[in-house]
Amino acid sequence: MLQNFFNSNLLWPSVICFFFGSFGYIVTRLWVLPILRYRRIKKNIRKDLDTLLHVPSASHENKAVKARLRRHAAELPDIYNASMPYWYRLHLGNREESPIDASKILMALVNTKNKPHLKNQIHNLIKALHLPSIQI
């Protein structure tokens, strides 16, 4: 049976499909998923910033938003240094988008209590991540 497989017309299509499937898995796992994760974190940061601006500073929701922003601040450099493809890091550098600087700004923003300083930190974060503008 095995000898018939090697002599049949199914060998080369099977090998080619195996290699294309392996290549697709590698591209998806090593390129697509980290980029999508980075974009999802940026979108979540944008939503949390909008919530942070419109929620009173003493509320329970404000504390939850700040906790999420701290988690995002830790995730940004992790994704950038560990799993993001090199060519995408170069692309972000060309766009002058810096997740490492954004992480530092985000940690400073979470620890800021003064409203004018908070708005300044949000403005700096928007520039660092090229987020859409927020009505401040």
C-alpha atoms as a PDB file:
ATOM      1  CA  MET A   1       0.000   0.000   0.000  1.00  0.00           C
ATOM      2  CA  LEU A   2       2.793   2.400   0.896  1.00  0.00           C
ATOM      3  CA  GLN A   3       4.609   1.547  -2.318  1.00  0.00           C
ATOM      4  CA  ASN A   4       1.454   2.367  -4.287  1.00  0.00           C
ATOM      5  CA  PHE A   5       1.272   5.768  -2.595  1.00  0.00           C
ATOM      6  CA  PHE A   6       4.835   6.649  -3.600  1.00  0.00           C
ATOM      7  CA  ASN A   7       4.174   5.578  -7.176  1.00  0.00           C
ATOM      8  CA  SER A   8       0.795   7.276  -7.446  1.00  0.00           C
ATOM      9  CA  ASN A   9      -0.047  10.781  -8.567  1.00  0.00           C
ATOM     10  CA  LEU A  10      -0.879  11.811  -4.962  1.00  0.00           C
ATOM     11  CA  LEU A  11       2.677  12.137  -3.657  1.00  0.00           C
ATOM     12  CA  TRP A  12       3.654  15.529  -5.044  1.00  0.00           C
ATOM     13  CA  PRO A  13       0.325  17.252  -4.428  1.00  0.00           C
ATOM     14  CA  SER A  14       0.397  15.933  -0.850  1.00  0.00           C
ATOM     15  CA  VAL A  15       3.930  17.236  -0.280  1.00  0.00           C
ATOM     16  CA  ILE A  16       3.113  20.617  -1.822  1.00  0.00           C
ATOM     17  CA  CYS A  17      -0.064  20.977   0.267  1.00  0.00           C
ATOM     18  CA  PHE A  18       1.890  20.067   3.395  1.00  0.00           C
ATOM     19  CA  PHE A  19       4.482  22.777   2.731  1.00  0.00           C
ATOM     20  CA  PHE A  20       1.876  25.426   1.896  1.00  0.00           C
ATOM     21  CA  GLY A  21      -0.068  24.542   5.027  1.00  0.00           C
ATOM     22  CA  SER A  22       3.076  24.744   7.140  1.00  0.00           C
ATOM     23  CA  PHE A  23       4.015  28.085   5.595  1.00  0.00           C
ATOM     24  CA  GLY A  24       0.510  29.457   6.221  1.00  0.00           C
ATOM     25  CA  TYR A  25       0.627  28.329   9.841  1.00  0.00           C
ATOM     26  CA  ILE A  26       4.014  29.972  10.400  1.00  0.00           C
ATOM     27  CA  VAL A  27       2.947  33.267   8.786  1.00  0.00           C
ATOM     28  CA  THR A  28      -0.274  33.334  10.778  1.00  0.00           C
ATOM     29  CA  ARG A  29       1.327  32.400  14.081  1.00  0.00           C
ATOM     30  CA  LEU A  30       4.432  34.582  13.854  1.00  0.00           C
ATOM     31  CA  TRP A  31       3.201  37.618  11.874  1.00  0.00           C
ATOM     32  CA  VAL A  32      -0.539  38.002  11.738  1.00  0.00           C
ATOM     33  CA  LEU A  33      -1.487  37.158  15.337  1.00  0.00           C
ATOM     34  CA  PRO A  34       1.063  39.489  17.026  1.00  0.00           C
ATOM     35  CA  ILE A  35       0.075  42.380  14.747  1.00  0.00           C
ATOM     36  CA  LEU A  36      -3.625  41.820  15.414  1.00  0.00           C
ATOM     37  CA  ARG A  37      -2.937  41.604  19.154  1.00  0.00           C
ATOM     38  CA  TYR A  38      -1.046  44.923  19.032  1.00  0.00           C
ATOM     39  CA  ARG A  39      -3.893  46.597  17.144  1.00  0.00           C
ATOM     40  CA  ARG A  40      -6.454  45.206  19.585  1.00  0.00           C
ATOM     41  CA  ILE A  41      -4.504  46.620  22.521  1.00  0.00           C
ATOM     42  CA  LYS A  42      -4.343  50.023  20.810  1.00  0.00           C
ATOM     43  CA  LYS A  43      -8.112  49.940  20.289  1.00  0.00           C
ATOM     44  CA  ASN A  44      -8.687  49.007  23.937  1.00  0.00           C
ATOM     45  CA  ILE A  45      -6.388  51.812  25.089  1.00  0.00           C
ATOM     46  CA  ARG A  46      -8.383  54.258  22.981  1.00  0.00           C
ATOM     47  CA  LYS A  47     -11.667  53.117  24.555  1.00  0.00           C
ATOM     48  CA  ASP A  48     -10.230  53.208  28.066  1.00  0.00           C
ATOM     49  CA  LEU A  49      -8.870  56.724  27.565  1.00  0.00           C
ATOM     50  CA  ASP A  50     -12.272  57.906  26.442  1.00  0.00           C
ATOM     51  CA  THR A  51     -13.842  56.304  29.528  1.00  0.00           C
ATOM     52  CA  LEU A  52     -11.171  57.769  31.808  1.00  0.00           C
ATOM     53  CA  LEU A  53     -11.946  61.292  30.610  1.00  0.00           C
ATOM     54  CA  HIS A  54     -15.693  61.021  31.147  1.00  0.00           C
ATOM     55  CA  VAL A  55     -15.796  59.154  34.481  1.00  0.00           C
ATOM     56  CA  PRO A  56     -15.400  60.922  37.839  1.00  0.00           C
ATOM     57  CA  SER A  57     -11.966  60.310  39.349  1.00  0.00           C
ATOM     58  CA  ALA A  58     -13.310  58.912  42.644  1.00  0.00           C
ATOM     59  CA  SER A  59     -15.540  56.256  41.069  1.00  0.00           C
ATOM     60  CA  HIS A  60     -15.006  52.509  41.117  1.00  0.00           C
ATOM     61  CA  GLU A  61     -15.090  52.403  37.291  1.00  0.00           C
ATOM     62  CA  ASN A  62     -12.169  54.835  37.167  1.00  0.00           C
ATOM     63  CA  LYS A  63     -10.074  52.431  39.249  1.00  0.00           C
ATOM     64  CA  ALA A  64     -10.988  49.550  36.940  1.00  0.00           C
ATOM     65  CA  VAL A  65     -10.022  51.593  33.871  1.00  0.00           C
ATOM     66  CA  LYS A  66      -6.687  52.495  35.443  1.00  0.00           C
ATOM     67  CA  ALA A  67      -6.038  48.822  36.216  1.00  0.00           C
ATOM     68  CA  ARG A  68      -6.720  47.920  32.564  1.00  0.00           C
ATOM     69  CA  LEU A  69      -4.425  50.725  31.396  1.00  0.00           C
ATOM     70  CA  ARG A  70      -1.652  49.388  33.661  1.00  0.00           C
ATOM     71  CA  ARG A  71      -2.096  45.957  32.104  1.00  0.00           C
ATOM     72  CA  HIS A  72      -1.937  47.483  28.607  1.00  0.00           C
ATOM     73  CA  ALA A  73       1.210  49.392  29.608  1.00  0.00           C
ATOM     74  CA  ALA A  74       2.823  46.071  30.491  1.00  0.00           C
ATOM     75  CA  GLU A  75       1.590  44.322  27.335  1.00  0.00           C
ATOM     76  CA  LEU A  76       2.847  46.927  24.842  1.00  0.00           C
ATOM     77  CA  PRO A  77       6.598  46.408  25.366  1.00  0.00           C
ATOM     78  CA  ASP A  78       6.081  42.665  25.714  1.00  0.00           C
ATOM     79  CA  ILE A  79       4.468  42.430  22.293  1.00  0.00           C
ATOM     80  CA  TYR A  80       6.911  44.859  20.723  1.00  0.00           C
ATOM     81  CA  ASN A  81      10.071  43.146  22.001  1.00  0.00           C
ATOM     82  CA  ALA A  82       9.046  39.497  22.105  1.00  0.00           C
ATOM     83  CA  SER A  83       6.602  38.639  19.354  1.00  0.00           C
ATOM     84  CA  MET A  84       6.271  41.447  16.822  1.00  0.00           C
ATOM     85  CA  PRO A  85       8.006  40.782  13.490  1.00  0.00           C
ATOM     86  CA  TYR A  86      11.086  42.879  12.783  1.00  0.00           C
ATOM     87  CA  TRP A  87       9.678  44.298   9.551  1.00  0.00           C
ATOM     88  CA  TYR A  88       6.597  45.566  11.417  1.00  0.00           C
ATOM     89  CA  ARG A  89       8.812  47.211  14.028  1.00  0.00           C
ATOM     90  CA  LEU A  90      10.562  49.018  11.178  1.00  0.00           C
ATOM     91  CA  HIS A  91       7.168  50.042   9.814  1.00  0.00           C
ATOM     92  CA  LEU A  92       6.184  51.466  13.203  1.00  0.00           C
ATOM     93  CA  GLY A  93       9.495  53.322  13.358  1.00  0.00           C
ATOM     94  CA  ASN A  94       8.813  54.872   9.947  1.00  0.00           C
ATOM     95  CA  ARG A  95       5.396  55.987  11.178  1.00  0.00           C
ATOM     96  CA  GLU A  96       7.080  57.384  14.320  1.00  0.00           C
ATOM     97  CA  GLU A  97       4.904  55.142  16.454  1.00  0.00           C
ATOM     98  CA  SER A  98       6.635  54.005  19.623  1.00  0.00           C
ATOM     99  CA  PRO A  99       4.984  51.377  21.847  1.00  0.00           C
ATOM    100  CA  ILE A 100       7.894  51.542  24.315  1.00  0.00           C
ATOM    101  CA  ASP A 101       7.484  55.306  24.827  1.00  0.00           C
ATOM    102  CA  ALA A 102       3.722  54.860  24.902  1.00  0.00           C
ATOM    103  CA  SER A 103       4.082  52.346  27.716  1.00  0.00           C
ATOM    104  CA  LYS A 104       6.088  54.841  29.784  1.00  0.00           C
ATOM    105  CA  ILE A 105       3.552  57.591  29.071  1.00  0.00           C
ATOM    106  CA  LEU A 106       0.702  55.239  29.935  1.00  0.00           C
ATOM    107  CA  MET A 107       2.210  54.398  33.326  1.00  0.00           C
ATOM    108  CA  ALA A 108       2.687  58.112  34.039  1.00  0.00           C
ATOM    109  CA  LEU A 109      -0.904  58.748  32.952  1.00  0.00           C
ATOM    110  CA  VAL A 110      -2.282  56.105  35.307  1.00  0.00           C
ATOM    111  CA  ASN A 111      -0.443  57.685  38.235  1.00  0.00           C
ATOM    112  CA  THR A 112      -1.535  61.252  37.376  1.00  0.00           C
ATOM    113  CA  LYS A 113      -4.234  62.809  39.542  1.00  0.00           C
ATOM    114  CA  ASN A 114      -4.247  66.402  38.248  1.00  0.00           C
ATOM    115  CA  LYS A 115      -6.766  66.873  35.397  1.00  0.00           C
ATOM    116  CA  PRO A 116      -4.628  69.262  33.238  1.00  0.00           C
ATOM    117  CA  HIS A 117      -1.630  66.917  33.567  1.00  0.00           C
ATOM    118  CA  LEU A 118      -3.880  63.990  32.692  1.00  0.00           C
ATOM    119  CA  LYS A 119      -4.959  65.730  29.490  1.00  0.00           C
ATOM    120  CA  ASN A 120      -1.322  66.464  28.627  1.00  0.00           C
ATOM    121  CA  GLN A 121      -0.382  62.795  29.145  1.00  0.00           C
ATOM    122  CA  ILE A 122      -3.304  61.690  26.962  1.00  0.00           C
ATOM    123  CA  HIS A 123      -2.173  64.078  24.229  1.00  0.00           C
ATOM    124  CA  ASN A 124       1.366  62.624  24.415  1.00  0.00           C
ATOM    125  CA  LEU A 125      -0.019  59.080  24.300  1.00  0.00           C
ATOM    126  CA  ILE A 126      -2.132  59.867  21.250  1.00  0.00           C
ATOM    127  CA  LYS A 127       1.001  61.117  19.491  1.00  0.00           C
ATOM    128  CA  ALA A 128       3.085  58.103  20.545  1.00  0.00           C
ATOM    129  CA  LEU A 129       0.555  55.501  19.337  1.00  0.00           C
ATOM    130  CA  HIS A 130      -1.028  57.512  16.495  1.00  0.00           C
ATOM    131  CA  LEU A 131      -4.464  57.022  18.009  1.00  0.00           C
ATOM    132  CA  PRO A 132      -7.485  58.897  16.672  1.00  0.00           C
ATOM    133  CA  SER A 133      -8.062  62.151  18.511  1.00  0.00           C
ATOM    134  CA  ILE A 134     -10.160  62.222  21.632  1.00  0.00           C
ATOM    135  CA  GLN A 135     -12.441  65.096  22.559  1.00  0.00           C
ATOM    136  CA  ILE A 136     -10.592  66.449  25.600  1.00  0.00           C
END
